[in-house]
Amino acid sequence: MLKLAQNKRVNISGDIELKDRLVGVQRVVKVTKGGRAFRFSAIVVVGDEKSVVGIGLGKSKDVATAIQKGIESAKKNLVRIPIYKGTIPHEQVAKFKGASVLIKPASNGTGVKAGGAMRAVLESAGVKDILAKSKGSANSHNLVKATLKALLELRDPRTVAMQRGVTMDKVFNG
């Protein structure tokens, strides 16, 4: 799976209310001497819509179990994303295998301008205004992982200001 940054991991507790979104279900067929064996894989995104998001993959012989396994897997991989005024702090590009994504901050009222797989991750993370573009592969598994990778590479404005020795007022007001 995707290696998650240790400092951005979130431990699940009772006070976090997570909402899950099903990104996609794929039917996998194994042809054997006795016939065809069907299995399903489901990719799921969970988040609290307040900067915590996680992705998970579940596989099983039936769809409902695959989705449930995906939700459990996603809850184990929660991370915190820096969100500033409903958008992301800066532009970011990320690549995962064949999928490449570009995410840009947008002004208030723009909404989430993104495709299906990217939209699920961004809305679950709680981003309200963003411009996103996927390049390369349209594989939903790789798009979800590339989007999460881009979000993990974002830097929090407060942290950057502290590293540079300036105040937040000076950063955003000139």
Protein backbone atom coordinates (compact mmCIF):
# COMPACT_ATOMS: atom_id res chain seq x y z
CA MET A 1 0.00 0.00 0.00
CA LEU A 2 1.03 3.63 0.35
CA LYS A 3 3.57 4.46 3.05
CA LEU A 4 2.03 7.01 5.38
CA ALA A 5 3.99 9.69 7.20
CA GLN A 6 4.31 8.75 10.87
CA ASN A 7 3.76 12.30 12.16
CA LYS A 8 0.47 12.67 10.24
CA ARG A 9 -1.13 9.41 11.43
CA VAL A 10 -4.30 9.66 13.50
CA ASN A 11 -5.38 7.13 16.11
CA ILE A 12 -9.09 6.43 15.96
CA SER A 13 -11.04 7.35 19.06
CA GLY A 14 -14.70 7.45 20.03
CA ASP A 15 -15.12 11.19 19.43
CA ILE A 16 -14.27 11.03 15.69
CA GLU A 17 -17.34 10.40 13.53
CA LEU A 18 -16.16 8.89 10.25
CA LYS A 19 -18.15 8.80 7.02
CA ASP A 20 -17.29 6.22 4.39
CA ARG A 21 -17.48 6.57 0.60
CA LEU A 22 -17.27 3.71 -1.84
CA VAL A 23 -14.97 4.66 -4.72
CA GLY A 24 -15.29 1.48 -6.76
CA VAL A 25 -16.00 -2.23 -6.82
CA GLN A 26 -14.25 -4.55 -9.28
CA ARG A 27 -15.23 -8.09 -10.13
CA VAL A 28 -12.25 -10.39 -10.49
CA VAL A 29 -12.68 -13.71 -12.31
CA LYS A 30 -10.42 -16.72 -11.91
CA VAL A 31 -11.06 -19.40 -14.53
CA THR A 32 -10.41 -22.92 -13.28
CA LYS A 33 -11.09 -26.43 -14.56
CA GLY A 34 -14.34 -26.47 -12.58
CA GLY A 35 -15.58 -23.15 -13.99
CA ARG A 36 -15.28 -19.50 -13.05
CA ALA A 37 -14.58 -18.27 -9.53
CA PHE A 38 -15.81 -14.70 -8.91
CA ARG A 39 -14.32 -12.45 -6.25
CA PHE A 40 -14.73 -8.74 -5.59
CA SER A 41 -12.37 -5.96 -4.55
CA ALA A 42 -13.64 -2.65 -3.16
CA ILE A 43 -11.73 0.57 -2.57
CA VAL A 44 -13.19 2.75 0.19
CA VAL A 45 -12.37 6.22 1.55
CA VAL A 46 -13.30 7.24 5.11
CA GLY A 47 -12.99 10.67 6.68
CA ASP A 48 -14.46 13.03 9.25
CA GLU A 49 -14.67 15.93 6.74
CA LYS A 50 -12.51 17.98 9.13
CA SER A 51 -8.98 17.14 7.84
CA VAL A 52 -8.81 13.40 8.71
CA VAL A 53 -8.93 10.86 5.85
CA GLY A 54 -7.96 7.25 5.17
CA ILE A 55 -8.15 4.77 2.28
CA GLY A 56 -8.63 1.02 2.35
CA LEU A 57 -8.92 -1.96 0.03
CA GLY A 58 -11.10 -4.96 0.80
CA LYS A 59 -11.31 -8.26 -1.09
CA SER A 60 -13.86 -11.02 -0.65
CA LYS A 61 -16.15 -13.52 -2.36
CA ASP A 62 -19.12 -11.17 -1.99
CA VAL A 63 -19.50 -7.40 -2.40
CA ALA A 64 -20.81 -6.52 1.07
CA THR A 65 -17.92 -8.26 2.85
CA ALA A 66 -15.38 -6.65 0.51
CA ILE A 67 -16.79 -3.19 1.30
CA GLN A 68 -16.77 -3.89 5.05
CA LYS A 69 -13.14 -5.07 4.89
CA GLY A 70 -12.25 -1.92 2.93
CA ILE A 71 -13.84 0.29 5.62
CA GLU A 72 -11.94 -1.51 8.39
CA SER A 73 -8.68 -1.17 6.44
CA ALA A 74 -9.29 2.55 5.85
CA LYS A 75 -9.93 3.16 9.57
CA LYS A 76 -6.46 1.72 10.30
CA ASN A 77 -4.80 4.15 7.85
CA LEU A 78 -6.13 7.55 8.96
CA VAL A 79 -3.97 10.64 8.42
CA ARG A 80 -4.39 14.37 9.14
CA ILE A 81 -4.28 16.80 6.20
CA PRO A 82 -3.47 20.54 6.53
CA ILE A 83 -6.50 22.57 5.48
CA TYR A 84 -6.45 26.37 5.59
CA LYS A 85 -9.70 28.36 5.13
CA GLY A 86 -11.49 25.43 3.46
CA THR A 87 -8.78 24.81 0.85
CA ILE A 88 -5.23 23.50 0.72
CA PRO A 89 -2.27 25.75 1.58
CA HIS A 90 -0.43 25.44 -1.75
CA GLU A 91 -0.32 23.71 -5.14
CA GLN A 92 0.94 20.12 -5.19
CA VAL A 93 1.73 17.46 -7.80
CA ALA A 94 2.02 13.75 -6.98
CA LYS A 95 2.41 10.51 -8.87
CA PHE A 96 1.54 6.95 -7.92
CA LYS A 97 2.43 4.33 -10.54
CA GLY A 98 0.65 5.44 -13.75
CA ALA A 99 -1.63 8.05 -12.15
CA SER A 100 -0.51 11.65 -11.83
CA VAL A 101 -2.53 14.31 -10.00
CA LEU A 102 -2.38 18.08 -9.68
CA ILE A 103 -4.22 19.85 -6.86
CA LYS A 104 -4.47 23.64 -6.53
CA PRO A 105 -6.01 25.86 -3.86
CA ALA A 106 -9.13 27.70 -4.96
CA SER A 107 -10.94 30.82 -3.77
CA ASN A 108 -13.93 30.62 -1.45
CA GLY A 109 -17.10 29.42 -3.21
CA THR A 110 -15.36 27.49 -6.00
CA GLY A 111 -16.31 24.05 -4.71
CA VAL A 112 -14.55 20.76 -5.36
CA LYS A 113 -13.63 20.64 -9.06
CA ALA A 114 -12.37 17.07 -9.33
CA GLY A 115 -13.17 13.71 -10.89
CA GLY A 116 -14.87 10.80 -9.12
CA ALA A 117 -12.00 9.02 -7.36
CA MET A 118 -10.21 12.26 -6.44
CA ARG A 119 -13.48 13.89 -5.34
CA ALA A 120 -14.16 11.12 -2.82
CA VAL A 121 -10.76 11.62 -1.14
CA LEU A 122 -10.93 15.42 -1.15
CA GLU A 123 -14.50 15.64 0.19
CA SER A 124 -13.78 13.03 2.88
CA ALA A 125 -10.77 15.10 3.95
CA GLY A 126 -13.00 18.15 4.34
CA VAL A 127 -11.64 20.28 1.51
CA LYS A 128 -14.38 22.69 0.39
CA ASP A 129 -12.68 24.63 -2.44
CA ILE A 130 -10.08 23.03 -4.70
CA LEU A 131 -9.11 22.60 -8.34
CA ALA A 132 -7.85 19.11 -9.23
CA LYS A 133 -6.72 17.43 -12.42
CA SER A 134 -5.77 13.82 -13.02
CA LYS A 135 -3.25 13.00 -15.72
CA GLY A 136 -2.18 9.64 -17.04
CA SER A 137 -3.99 6.57 -15.79
CA ALA A 138 -7.71 6.63 -14.94
CA ASN A 139 -7.33 3.60 -12.65
CA SER A 140 -9.35 4.50 -9.53
CA HIS A 141 -7.02 2.60 -7.16
CA ASN A 142 -3.97 4.52 -8.35
CA LEU A 143 -5.84 7.86 -8.50
CA VAL A 144 -6.97 7.54 -4.88
CA LYS A 145 -3.43 6.70 -3.74
CA ALA A 146 -1.90 9.54 -5.80
CA THR A 147 -4.40 12.02 -4.35
CA LEU A 148 -3.63 10.91 -0.80
CA LYS A 149 0.09 11.14 -1.55
CA ALA A 150 -0.36 14.73 -2.79
CA LEU A 151 -2.32 15.63 0.35
CA LEU A 152 0.36 14.09 2.58
CA GLU A 153 3.07 16.19 0.90
CA LEU A 154 1.27 19.45 1.77
CA ARG A 155 2.97 21.67 4.34
CA ASP A 156 1.02 23.46 7.07
CA PRO A 157 1.39 27.28 6.89
CA ARG A 158 1.90 27.59 10.65
CA THR A 159 4.70 25.03 10.66
CA VAL A 160 6.46 26.72 7.74
CA ALA A 161 6.12 30.14 9.43
CA MET A 162 7.63 28.78 12.67
CA GLN A 163 10.52 27.20 10.73
CA ARG A 164 11.22 30.53 9.04
CA GLY A 165 10.88 32.50 12.27
CA VAL A 166 7.99 34.74 11.18
CA THR A 167 4.45 35.20 12.47
CA MET A 168 1.29 34.09 10.66
CA ASP A 169 0.17 37.74 10.33
CA LYS A 170 3.35 38.57 8.45
CA VAL A 171 2.94 35.55 6.14
CA PHE A 172 -0.66 36.27 5.09
CA ASN A 173 -0.80 40.07 5.37
CA GLY A 174 2.53 40.93 3.78
